[in-house]
Amino acid sequence: MPVTKSAKKALTVAHRRHEENLLQRAAFKRAVKDTKKAVDAGATNVAELFSKAQSVLDKAAKNNTIHPNKAARLKSRLAKKLTAAPVEAPKKVTKAKATTKKAAPKKAAAKKA
């Protein structure tokens, strides 16, 4: 146990940082796992999940939760998996063209005498 006041404060800071690191670590692991599952399942929102995973990994590396090289390695592997997966091109939805008809002339109201 810490004895001095500064050591006690350092211990509380270390505990707080440890908890923050655990949250960030869980977040990037979840993002990577979700992206991998989506690629394997052939989901349509893979690009969005990949972008989110890249963002979370970059934040974790920036805050020294993980080493920047580890973040780069994980992003590279995800990108490789993403490009290797057969992705179906989204089908274009064609709308039926609306025919433009001229409006029928309004009938003149019969005048009442």
N, C-alpha and C. Protein backbone atom coordinates (compact mmCIF):
# COMPACT_ATOMS: atom_id res chain seq x y z
N MET A 1 0.84 -1.19 0.00
CA MET A 1 0.00 0.00 0.00
C MET A 1 0.88 1.25 0.00
N PRO A 2 0.40 2.28 -0.72
CA PRO A 2 1.18 3.51 -0.75
C PRO A 2 1.16 4.22 0.61
N VAL A 3 2.25 4.89 0.91
CA VAL A 3 2.37 5.58 2.19
C VAL A 3 2.22 7.09 2.02
N THR A 4 2.93 7.63 1.06
CA THR A 4 2.91 9.08 0.89
C THR A 4 1.64 9.52 0.15
N LYS A 5 1.35 10.81 0.29
CA LYS A 5 0.15 11.37 -0.33
C LYS A 5 0.24 11.27 -1.86
N SER A 6 1.41 11.55 -2.42
CA SER A 6 1.57 11.50 -3.87
C SER A 6 1.45 10.07 -4.40
N ALA A 7 1.91 9.10 -3.62
CA ALA A 7 1.80 7.70 -4.03
C ALA A 7 0.35 7.25 -4.00
N LYS A 8 -0.40 7.75 -3.02
CA LYS A 8 -1.84 7.41 -2.94
C LYS A 8 -2.57 7.97 -4.16
N LYS A 9 -2.24 9.21 -4.50
CA LYS A 9 -2.87 9.83 -5.65
C LYS A 9 -2.48 9.08 -6.93
N ALA A 10 -1.23 8.70 -7.04
CA ALA A 10 -0.77 7.96 -8.22
C ALA A 10 -1.50 6.63 -8.35
N LEU A 11 -1.79 6.00 -7.22
CA LEU A 11 -2.52 4.74 -7.25
C LEU A 11 -3.94 4.93 -7.75
N THR A 12 -4.61 5.99 -7.29
CA THR A 12 -5.97 6.24 -7.75
C THR A 12 -5.99 6.57 -9.24
N VAL A 13 -5.00 7.32 -9.70
CA VAL A 13 -4.91 7.65 -11.12
C VAL A 13 -4.66 6.38 -11.94
N ALA A 14 -3.81 5.51 -11.43
CA ALA A 14 -3.52 4.27 -12.12
C ALA A 14 -4.77 3.40 -12.24
N HIS A 15 -5.57 3.35 -11.17
CA HIS A 15 -6.82 2.57 -11.21
C HIS A 15 -7.79 3.15 -12.24
N ARG A 16 -7.90 4.48 -12.25
CA ARG A 16 -8.80 5.13 -13.19
C ARG A 16 -8.37 4.87 -14.63
N ARG A 17 -7.08 5.02 -14.89
CA ARG A 17 -6.57 4.79 -16.25
C ARG A 17 -6.75 3.33 -16.67
N HIS A 18 -6.57 2.43 -15.71
CA HIS A 18 -6.74 1.00 -16.00
C HIS A 18 -8.18 0.72 -16.45
N GLU A 19 -9.15 1.33 -15.74
CA GLU A 19 -10.55 1.13 -16.10
C GLU A 19 -10.84 1.71 -17.49
N GLU A 20 -10.30 2.90 -17.78
CA GLU A 20 -10.50 3.51 -19.09
C GLU A 20 -9.88 2.66 -20.19
N ASN A 21 -8.70 2.11 -19.91
CA ASN A 21 -8.04 1.25 -20.90
C ASN A 21 -8.86 -0.01 -21.16
N LEU A 22 -9.44 -0.57 -20.10
CA LEU A 22 -10.26 -1.77 -20.28
C LEU A 22 -11.47 -1.47 -21.16
N LEU A 23 -12.09 -0.31 -20.96
CA LEU A 23 -13.25 0.07 -21.78
C LEU A 23 -12.84 0.24 -23.24
N GLN A 24 -11.72 0.91 -23.47
CA GLN A 24 -11.26 1.10 -24.84
C GLN A 24 -10.87 -0.22 -25.49
N ARG A 25 -10.24 -1.07 -24.73
CA ARG A 25 -9.83 -2.37 -25.27
C ARG A 25 -11.07 -3.19 -25.66
N ALA A 26 -12.07 -3.18 -24.80
CA ALA A 26 -13.30 -3.91 -25.11
C ALA A 26 -13.98 -3.32 -26.35
N ALA A 27 -13.94 -1.99 -26.48
CA ALA A 27 -14.58 -1.34 -27.62
C ALA A 27 -13.91 -1.73 -28.93
N PHE A 28 -12.57 -1.72 -28.98
CA PHE A 28 -11.94 -2.05 -30.25
C PHE A 28 -12.03 -3.54 -30.56
N LYS A 29 -12.01 -4.37 -29.53
CA LYS A 29 -12.17 -5.81 -29.78
C LYS A 29 -13.57 -6.10 -30.33
N ARG A 30 -14.58 -5.43 -29.76
CA ARG A 30 -15.96 -5.62 -30.22
C ARG A 30 -16.10 -5.14 -31.66
N ALA A 31 -15.50 -3.99 -31.98
CA ALA A 31 -15.60 -3.44 -33.32
C ALA A 31 -14.94 -4.37 -34.35
N VAL A 32 -13.78 -4.89 -34.01
CA VAL A 32 -13.06 -5.80 -34.91
C VAL A 32 -13.86 -7.09 -35.10
N LYS A 33 -14.40 -7.61 -34.00
CA LYS A 33 -15.17 -8.85 -34.08
C LYS A 33 -16.43 -8.66 -34.92
N ASP A 34 -17.13 -7.54 -34.72
CA ASP A 34 -18.35 -7.28 -35.49
C ASP A 34 -18.04 -7.15 -36.98
N THR A 35 -16.93 -6.51 -37.30
CA THR A 35 -16.55 -6.34 -38.70
C THR A 35 -16.22 -7.69 -39.33
N LYS A 36 -15.48 -8.52 -38.61
CA LYS A 36 -15.14 -9.84 -39.14
C LYS A 36 -16.39 -10.68 -39.37
N LYS A 37 -17.32 -10.65 -38.42
CA LYS A 37 -18.56 -11.42 -38.57
C LYS A 37 -19.37 -10.92 -39.76
N ALA A 38 -19.41 -9.61 -39.94
CA ALA A 38 -20.17 -9.04 -41.05
C ALA A 38 -19.56 -9.43 -42.38
N VAL A 39 -18.24 -9.44 -42.46
CA VAL A 39 -17.57 -9.84 -43.71
C VAL A 39 -17.86 -11.31 -44.00
N ASP A 40 -17.78 -12.15 -42.98
CA ASP A 40 -18.05 -13.57 -43.18
C ASP A 40 -19.50 -13.83 -43.58
N ALA A 41 -20.41 -13.03 -43.02
CA ALA A 41 -21.83 -13.22 -43.32
C ALA A 41 -22.23 -12.56 -44.63
N GLY A 42 -21.38 -11.71 -45.17
CA GLY A 42 -21.69 -11.02 -46.41
C GLY A 42 -22.71 -9.91 -46.23
N ALA A 43 -22.63 -9.23 -45.10
CA ALA A 43 -23.58 -8.16 -44.81
C ALA A 43 -23.34 -6.97 -45.72
N THR A 44 -24.34 -6.12 -45.81
CA THR A 44 -24.24 -4.97 -46.70
C THR A 44 -23.58 -3.76 -46.04
N ASN A 45 -23.56 -3.72 -44.72
CA ASN A 45 -23.01 -2.55 -44.02
C ASN A 45 -21.56 -2.77 -43.58
N VAL A 46 -20.82 -3.55 -44.33
CA VAL A 46 -19.44 -3.88 -43.98
C VAL A 46 -18.55 -2.64 -44.00
N ALA A 47 -18.73 -1.79 -44.99
CA ALA A 47 -17.90 -0.59 -45.10
C ALA A 47 -18.09 0.32 -43.89
N GLU A 48 -19.31 0.45 -43.44
CA GLU A 48 -19.59 1.28 -42.26
C GLU A 48 -18.94 0.69 -41.02
N LEU A 49 -19.04 -0.62 -40.84
CA LEU A 49 -18.43 -1.28 -39.68
C LEU A 49 -16.91 -1.18 -39.74
N PHE A 50 -16.35 -1.31 -40.94
CA PHE A 50 -14.90 -1.21 -41.10
C PHE A 50 -14.41 0.18 -40.74
N SER A 51 -15.16 1.18 -41.16
CA SER A 51 -14.80 2.56 -40.84
C SER A 51 -14.84 2.80 -39.33
N LYS A 52 -15.86 2.25 -38.69
CA LYS A 52 -15.98 2.40 -37.23
C LYS A 52 -14.83 1.69 -36.52
N ALA A 53 -14.48 0.51 -37.00
CA ALA A 53 -13.39 -0.24 -36.39
C ALA A 53 -12.06 0.51 -36.54
N GLN A 54 -11.84 1.10 -37.70
CA GLN A 54 -10.62 1.89 -37.91
C GLN A 54 -10.57 3.06 -36.93
N SER A 55 -11.69 3.72 -36.76
CA SER A 55 -11.75 4.88 -35.87
C SER A 55 -11.45 4.47 -34.43
N VAL A 56 -12.05 3.38 -33.98
CA VAL A 56 -11.85 2.92 -32.60
C VAL A 56 -10.40 2.49 -32.39
N LEU A 57 -9.83 1.82 -33.37
CA LEU A 57 -8.43 1.40 -33.27
C LEU A 57 -7.49 2.59 -33.22
N ASP A 58 -7.77 3.60 -34.04
CA ASP A 58 -6.93 4.80 -34.03
C ASP A 58 -7.01 5.52 -32.69
N LYS A 59 -8.19 5.58 -32.11
CA LYS A 59 -8.34 6.24 -30.81
C LYS A 59 -7.60 5.47 -29.72
N ALA A 60 -7.67 4.15 -29.77
CA ALA A 60 -6.97 3.34 -28.77
C ALA A 60 -5.46 3.51 -28.90
N ALA A 61 -4.97 3.62 -30.12
CA ALA A 61 -3.54 3.82 -30.33
C ALA A 61 -3.12 5.22 -29.90
N LYS A 62 -3.96 6.19 -30.16
CA LYS A 62 -3.65 7.57 -29.80
C LYS A 62 -3.53 7.72 -28.28
N ASN A 63 -4.39 7.03 -27.55
CA ASN A 63 -4.39 7.13 -26.09
C ASN A 63 -3.46 6.12 -25.42
N ASN A 64 -2.61 5.47 -26.21
CA ASN A 64 -1.64 4.48 -25.72
C ASN A 64 -2.28 3.30 -25.00
N THR A 65 -3.51 2.98 -25.37
CA THR A 65 -4.11 1.76 -24.85
C THR A 65 -3.47 0.56 -25.51
N ILE A 66 -3.21 0.69 -26.81
CA ILE A 66 -2.48 -0.34 -27.54
C ILE A 66 -1.37 0.34 -28.32
N HIS A 67 -0.43 -0.42 -28.77
CA HIS A 67 0.69 0.12 -29.55
C HIS A 67 0.18 0.52 -30.93
N PRO A 68 0.67 1.61 -31.47
CA PRO A 68 0.23 2.03 -32.80
C PRO A 68 0.45 0.98 -33.89
N ASN A 69 1.52 0.21 -33.75
CA ASN A 69 1.77 -0.85 -34.74
C ASN A 69 0.71 -1.94 -34.67
N LYS A 70 0.21 -2.21 -33.47
CA LYS A 70 -0.84 -3.21 -33.33
C LYS A 70 -2.12 -2.72 -33.99
N ALA A 71 -2.42 -1.45 -33.81
CA ALA A 71 -3.60 -0.88 -34.45
C ALA A 71 -3.47 -0.96 -35.96
N ALA A 72 -2.30 -0.62 -36.48
CA ALA A 72 -2.06 -0.67 -37.92
C ALA A 72 -2.18 -2.11 -38.43
N ARG A 73 -1.64 -3.05 -37.67
CA ARG A 73 -1.70 -4.46 -38.07
C ARG A 73 -3.14 -4.95 -38.14
N LEU A 74 -3.93 -4.61 -37.12
CA LEU A 74 -5.33 -5.05 -37.10
C LEU A 74 -6.12 -4.41 -38.23
N LYS A 75 -5.88 -3.12 -38.50
CA LYS A 75 -6.58 -2.45 -39.59
C LYS A 75 -6.19 -3.08 -40.93
N SER A 76 -4.92 -3.41 -41.09
CA SER A 76 -4.46 -4.02 -42.32
C SER A 76 -5.11 -5.38 -42.53
N ARG A 77 -5.18 -6.16 -41.49
CA ARG A 77 -5.79 -7.49 -41.60
C ARG A 77 -7.28 -7.39 -41.92
N LEU A 78 -7.94 -6.41 -41.30
CA LEU A 78 -9.36 -6.22 -41.60
C LEU A 78 -9.56 -5.82 -43.06
N ALA A 79 -8.73 -4.91 -43.54
CA ALA A 79 -8.84 -4.46 -44.93
C ALA A 79 -8.58 -5.61 -45.89
N LYS A 80 -7.60 -6.42 -45.57
CA LYS A 80 -7.27 -7.58 -46.41
C LYS A 80 -8.44 -8.55 -46.46
N LYS A 81 -9.06 -8.77 -45.31
CA LYS A 81 -10.21 -9.67 -45.24
C LYS A 81 -11.39 -9.09 -46.01
N LEU A 82 -11.53 -7.77 -45.92
CA LEU A 82 -12.64 -7.10 -46.59
C LEU A 82 -12.50 -7.18 -48.10
N THR A 83 -11.28 -7.00 -48.62
CA THR A 83 -11.09 -7.03 -50.07
C THR A 83 -11.11 -8.46 -50.61
N ALA A 84 -10.76 -9.43 -49.78
CA ALA A 84 -10.74 -10.82 -50.24
C ALA A 84 -12.14 -11.41 -50.28
N ALA A 85 -13.05 -10.86 -49.50
CA ALA A 85 -14.41 -11.41 -49.44
C ALA A 85 -15.16 -11.05 -50.71
N PRO A 86 -15.92 -12.02 -51.22
CA PRO A 86 -16.73 -11.70 -52.41
C PRO A 86 -17.89 -10.81 -52.00
N VAL A 87 -17.85 -9.60 -52.49
CA VAL A 87 -18.89 -8.64 -52.13
C VAL A 87 -19.83 -8.49 -53.31
N GLU A 88 -21.10 -8.65 -53.03
CA GLU A 88 -22.09 -8.48 -54.09
C GLU A 88 -22.32 -7.00 -54.30
N ALA A 89 -22.36 -6.63 -55.54
CA ALA A 89 -22.62 -5.23 -55.85
C ALA A 89 -24.08 -4.93 -55.51
N PRO A 90 -24.33 -3.79 -54.91
CA PRO A 90 -25.72 -3.48 -54.58
C PRO A 90 -26.53 -3.33 -55.85
N LYS A 91 -27.70 -3.92 -55.82
CA LYS A 91 -28.56 -3.88 -56.99
C LYS A 91 -29.17 -2.50 -57.11
N LYS A 92 -29.22 -2.04 -58.35
CA LYS A 92 -29.82 -0.74 -58.58
C LYS A 92 -31.33 -0.89 -58.60
N VAL A 93 -31.95 -0.02 -57.90
CA VAL A 93 -33.41 -0.03 -57.87
C VAL A 93 -33.88 0.91 -58.96
N THR A 94 -34.61 0.34 -59.90
CA THR A 94 -35.10 1.17 -60.99
C THR A 94 -36.54 1.53 -60.70
N LYS A 95 -36.81 2.79 -60.85
CA LYS A 95 -38.17 3.25 -60.62
C LYS A 95 -38.89 3.26 -61.96
N ALA A 96 -40.17 2.95 -61.90
CA ALA A 96 -40.96 3.02 -63.12
C ALA A 96 -41.11 4.49 -63.49
N LYS A 97 -40.85 4.77 -64.73
CA LYS A 97 -40.93 6.16 -65.15
C LYS A 97 -42.39 6.60 -65.16
N ALA A 98 -42.62 7.73 -64.59
CA ALA A 98 -43.98 8.26 -64.56
C ALA A 98 -44.28 8.84 -65.92
N THR A 99 -45.43 8.46 -66.44
CA THR A 99 -45.82 9.00 -67.73
C THR A 99 -46.47 10.35 -67.49
N THR A 100 -46.10 11.27 -68.31
CA THR A 100 -46.68 12.60 -68.15
C THR A 100 -47.83 12.74 -69.12
N LYS A 101 -48.98 12.80 -68.56
CA LYS A 101 -50.17 12.99 -69.37
C LYS A 101 -50.63 14.42 -69.20
N LYS A 102 -51.15 14.91 -70.26
CA LYS A 102 -51.70 16.25 -70.16
C LYS A 102 -53.00 16.17 -69.38
N ALA A 103 -53.20 17.14 -68.55
CA ALA A 103 -54.43 17.17 -67.77
C ALA A 103 -55.60 17.42 -68.70
N ALA A 104 -56.67 16.69 -68.45
CA ALA A 104 -57.86 16.87 -69.27
C ALA A 104 -58.42 18.26 -69.03
N PRO A 105 -58.86 18.92 -70.08
CA PRO A 105 -59.41 20.26 -69.89
C PRO A 105 -60.64 20.19 -69.00
N LYS A 106 -60.74 21.18 -68.14
CA LYS A 106 -61.89 21.21 -67.23
C LYS A 106 -63.15 21.54 -68.03
N LYS A 107 -64.15 20.85 -67.68
CA LYS A 107 -65.42 21.10 -68.36
C LYS A 107 -65.99 22.41 -67.85
N ALA A 108 -66.50 23.14 -68.76
CA ALA A 108 -67.11 24.40 -68.37
C ALA A 108 -68.37 24.09 -67.60
N ALA A 109 -68.51 24.74 -66.49
CA ALA A 109 -69.71 24.51 -65.68
C ALA A 109 -70.92 25.05 -66.43
N ALA A 110 -71.93 24.26 -66.43
CA ALA A 110 -73.15 24.69 -67.12
C ALA A 110 -73.75 25.84 -66.35
N LYS A 111 -74.07 26.87 -67.10
CA LYS A 111 -74.64 28.04 -66.45
C LYS A 111 -76.11 27.79 -66.19
N LYS A 112 -76.49 28.13 -65.02
CA LYS A 112 -77.91 27.99 -64.69
C LYS A 112 -78.60 29.29 -65.04
N ALA A 113 -79.71 29.13 -65.66
CA ALA A 113 -80.40 30.34 -66.08
C ALA A 113 -81.49 30.72 -65.12
